[in-house]
Amino acid sequence: MGDGTFTATMTARSSASPASVYDLLADIGSHLVWAGEQQDKRYRLTSIEAPGGQAAVGTAWTSTGLVPMSRAHWEDRSTVITAERPRLFEFITEGRVAVRKPMTATFLNRYLITPDGEGCRVTHQLRVVEVINPMLRLRYPMRIAVLKFGVPLSSGRGLRNLLRMAELREASSVADSAGGVVIPAG
């Protein structure tokens, strides 16, 4: 893949606070919902084994997932490398796809959370650091379409799911503190 690097950048706005979004990202078990159950059924996480509580630098977990347009499954191990509540959450993922000639890859996921009015703006950068024995779709010329269009489309859906989930959690928390009654802001 040349030097092996490629970065897809997705940005979305949320009415949730930066802390709510960060806390959901640091709750690794929640990834199975917003990047699993709520994600496209052809490209999603199918399992996670992670410690409970909020992830910190050094927290590691394993997960499996589905590879789009394939019967193959993805197996990986991720480790948090930056955890700066409520603004930055990064983890590195080293994974393997078991195909005839196994593909291995390393990805860096970076979530930058910035205040924006009453909510926040979240930028997810997914950097493909290295790919060894790439599947056919990740070789020239198809890789250009997959990386420029397919990855942002699929990962963008996950980002929107994350933000929607943070908004719902925050609204639920407001309702609980108001005795079950949601009080509109403003």
Protein backbone atom coordinates (compact mmCIF):
# COMPACT_ATOMS: atom_id res chain seq x y z
CA MET A 1 0.00 0.00 0.00
CA GLY A 2 2.82 2.39 -0.70
CA ASP A 3 3.83 3.85 2.65
CA GLY A 4 0.73 2.18 4.14
CA THR A 5 -0.82 5.34 5.50
CA PHE A 6 -4.21 6.83 4.74
CA THR A 7 -6.45 8.99 6.93
CA ALA A 8 -10.22 9.28 6.69
CA THR A 9 -11.67 12.24 8.60
CA MET A 10 -15.32 12.44 9.64
CA THR A 11 -16.80 15.37 11.58
CA ALA A 12 -20.27 15.73 13.11
CA ARG A 13 -21.99 18.02 15.59
CA SER A 14 -23.88 16.92 18.69
CA SER A 15 -26.14 18.62 21.19
CA ALA A 16 -24.48 16.48 23.88
CA SER A 17 -21.73 17.98 26.02
CA PRO A 18 -18.09 17.13 25.30
CA ALA A 19 -17.93 15.23 28.61
CA SER A 20 -20.93 13.05 27.66
CA VAL A 21 -19.39 12.11 24.33
CA TYR A 22 -16.00 11.45 25.90
CA ASP A 23 -17.51 9.31 28.66
CA LEU A 24 -19.28 7.17 26.08
CA LEU A 25 -16.05 6.71 24.09
CA ALA A 26 -14.19 5.75 27.27
CA ASP A 27 -16.92 3.21 28.08
CA ILE A 28 -15.50 0.52 25.78
CA GLY A 29 -18.50 -1.76 26.25
CA SER A 30 -20.70 0.92 24.62
CA HIS A 31 -18.75 0.51 21.36
CA LEU A 32 -20.62 -2.78 20.87
CA VAL A 33 -23.84 -0.74 20.66
CA TRP A 34 -22.94 2.32 18.55
CA ALA A 35 -20.31 0.54 16.40
CA GLY A 36 -22.03 -2.84 16.61
CA GLU A 37 -25.78 -3.20 17.05
CA GLN A 38 -26.57 0.22 15.52
CA GLN A 39 -24.04 -0.07 12.71
CA ASP A 40 -24.66 -1.49 9.23
CA LYS A 41 -25.07 -5.25 9.62
CA ARG A 42 -22.38 -5.88 6.97
CA TYR A 43 -19.72 -3.79 8.76
CA ARG A 44 -19.81 -3.81 12.53
CA LEU A 45 -18.38 -5.06 15.77
CA THR A 46 -19.77 -8.43 16.83
CA SER A 47 -18.01 -8.88 20.19
CA ILE A 48 -15.86 -7.01 22.69
CA GLU A 49 -13.92 -8.24 25.70
CA ALA A 50 -12.96 -5.21 27.75
CA PRO A 51 -12.51 -4.23 31.38
CA GLY A 52 -15.42 -2.34 32.93
CA GLY A 53 -15.35 1.31 33.88
CA GLN A 54 -13.77 4.24 32.08
CA ALA A 55 -10.80 3.44 29.86
CA ALA A 56 -7.52 5.22 30.58
CA VAL A 57 -4.13 5.26 28.88
CA GLY A 58 -2.99 1.64 28.63
CA THR A 59 -6.47 0.10 28.78
CA ALA A 60 -6.62 -2.76 26.27
CA TRP A 61 -9.46 -4.82 24.82
CA THR A 62 -10.14 -7.32 22.08
CA SER A 63 -12.98 -7.31 19.59
CA THR A 64 -14.27 -9.08 16.51
CA GLY A 65 -16.21 -7.71 13.59
CA LEU A 66 -17.58 -8.26 10.14
CA VAL A 67 -15.66 -7.32 7.00
CA PRO A 68 -17.91 -5.69 4.36
CA MET A 69 -18.49 -7.62 1.13
CA SER A 70 -16.86 -10.71 2.63
CA ARG A 71 -17.56 -13.76 4.76
CA ALA A 72 -14.34 -13.05 6.64
CA HIS A 73 -14.25 -11.82 10.22
CA TRP A 74 -11.93 -9.28 11.77
CA GLU A 75 -10.12 -9.97 15.06
CA ASP A 76 -8.21 -7.21 16.82
CA ARG A 77 -6.63 -5.83 19.95
CA SER A 78 -6.91 -2.14 20.81
CA THR A 79 -5.04 -0.05 23.37
CA VAL A 80 -5.82 3.48 24.56
CA ILE A 81 -2.86 5.77 23.90
CA THR A 82 -4.43 9.15 24.80
CA ALA A 83 -7.24 9.82 27.27
CA GLU A 84 -7.69 13.54 27.97
CA ARG A 85 -11.23 14.03 29.26
CA PRO A 86 -13.28 15.69 27.76
CA ARG A 87 -11.35 16.61 24.61
CA LEU A 88 -9.30 13.75 23.17
CA PHE A 89 -9.55 9.95 23.06
CA GLU A 90 -7.17 7.86 20.93
CA PHE A 91 -6.57 4.17 20.57
CA ILE A 92 -4.46 2.01 18.33
CA THR A 93 -5.88 -1.18 16.85
CA GLU A 94 -3.87 -4.11 15.53
CA GLY A 95 -6.04 -6.56 13.67
CA ARG A 96 -6.15 -9.60 11.47
CA VAL A 97 -8.54 -10.87 8.82
CA ALA A 98 -8.35 -14.63 8.37
CA VAL A 99 -8.48 -15.10 4.62
CA ARG A 100 -6.43 -17.42 2.40
CA LYS A 101 -3.40 -15.20 2.89
CA PRO A 102 -4.16 -13.48 6.24
CA MET A 103 -4.26 -9.70 6.18
CA THR A 104 -2.94 -7.76 9.16
CA ALA A 105 -3.38 -4.05 9.72
CA THR A 106 -2.77 -1.28 12.23
CA PHE A 107 -5.20 1.61 12.65
CA LEU A 108 -5.14 4.75 14.77
CA ASN A 109 -8.53 6.06 15.90
CA ARG A 110 -8.47 9.67 17.10
CA TYR A 111 -11.58 11.41 18.48
CA LEU A 112 -11.15 15.16 18.97
CA ILE A 113 -14.06 16.72 20.89
CA THR A 114 -14.45 20.51 20.87
CA PRO A 115 -17.15 22.63 22.51
CA ASP A 116 -19.61 24.11 20.01
CA GLY A 117 -22.36 26.26 21.43
CA GLU A 118 -24.53 24.15 23.76
CA GLY A 119 -23.01 20.92 22.44
CA CYS A 120 -19.84 19.83 20.72
CA ARG A 121 -18.19 18.98 17.43
CA VAL A 122 -16.47 15.62 17.15
CA THR A 123 -13.83 14.81 14.57
CA HIS A 124 -12.95 11.15 14.13
CA GLN A 125 -9.73 10.50 12.26
CA LEU A 126 -9.20 6.92 11.22
CA ARG A 127 -5.63 6.46 10.10
CA VAL A 128 -4.57 3.30 8.32
CA VAL A 129 -1.00 3.01 9.56
CA GLU A 130 0.02 -0.29 7.98
CA VAL A 131 -1.53 -3.11 5.98
CA ILE A 132 0.27 -6.37 5.25
CA ASN A 133 -1.16 -8.76 2.63
CA PRO A 134 -4.10 -6.47 1.80
CA MET A 135 -7.34 -8.00 0.61
CA LEU A 136 -8.01 -7.42 -3.09
CA ARG A 137 -10.19 -4.37 -2.41
CA LEU A 138 -7.31 -2.68 -0.62
CA ARG A 139 -4.97 -2.96 -3.58
CA TYR A 140 -4.76 -0.51 -6.46
CA PRO A 141 -6.96 0.72 -8.08
CA MET A 142 -9.91 -0.34 -5.88
CA ARG A 143 -8.30 0.82 -2.64
CA ILE A 144 -8.76 4.46 -3.64
CA ALA A 145 -12.55 4.08 -3.80
CA VAL A 146 -12.71 1.95 -0.64
CA LEU A 147 -10.56 4.32 1.42
CA LYS A 148 -11.96 7.61 0.10
CA PHE A 149 -15.64 6.65 0.03
CA GLY A 150 -16.34 3.32 1.75
CA VAL A 151 -14.44 3.91 4.98
CA PRO A 152 -15.85 7.43 5.63
CA LEU A 153 -19.38 6.24 4.82
CA SER A 154 -19.23 3.29 7.21
CA SER A 155 -17.21 4.98 9.94
CA GLY A 156 -19.31 8.14 9.59
CA ARG A 157 -22.39 6.11 10.46
CA GLY A 158 -20.64 4.87 13.60
CA LEU A 159 -19.76 8.45 14.57
CA ARG A 160 -23.39 9.56 14.14
CA ASN A 161 -24.52 6.56 16.23
CA LEU A 162 -22.05 7.53 18.97
CA LEU A 163 -23.33 11.12 19.08
CA ARG A 164 -26.99 10.09 19.02
CA MET A 165 -26.34 7.68 21.91
CA ALA A 166 -24.58 10.44 23.91
CA GLU A 167 -27.52 12.78 23.31
CA LEU A 168 -30.02 10.13 24.46
CA ARG A 169 -27.98 9.32 27.57
CA GLU A 170 -27.72 12.99 28.43
CA ALA A 171 -31.47 13.56 27.89
CA SER A 172 -32.24 10.51 30.03
CA SER A 173 -30.00 11.84 32.79
CA VAL A 174 -31.82 15.21 32.70
CA ALA A 175 -35.18 13.40 32.83
CA ASP A 176 -34.07 11.30 35.80
CA SER A 177 -32.83 14.34 37.72
CA ALA A 178 -36.14 16.13 37.01
CA GLY A 179 -38.18 13.25 38.39
CA GLY A 180 -38.95 11.77 34.99
CA VAL A 181 -39.99 15.05 33.42
CA VAL A 182 -37.85 16.42 30.58
CA ILE A 183 -37.43 20.16 30.96
CA PRO A 184 -36.66 21.89 27.65
CA ALA A 185 -33.49 23.99 27.62
CA GLY A 186 -33.71 27.75 27.22
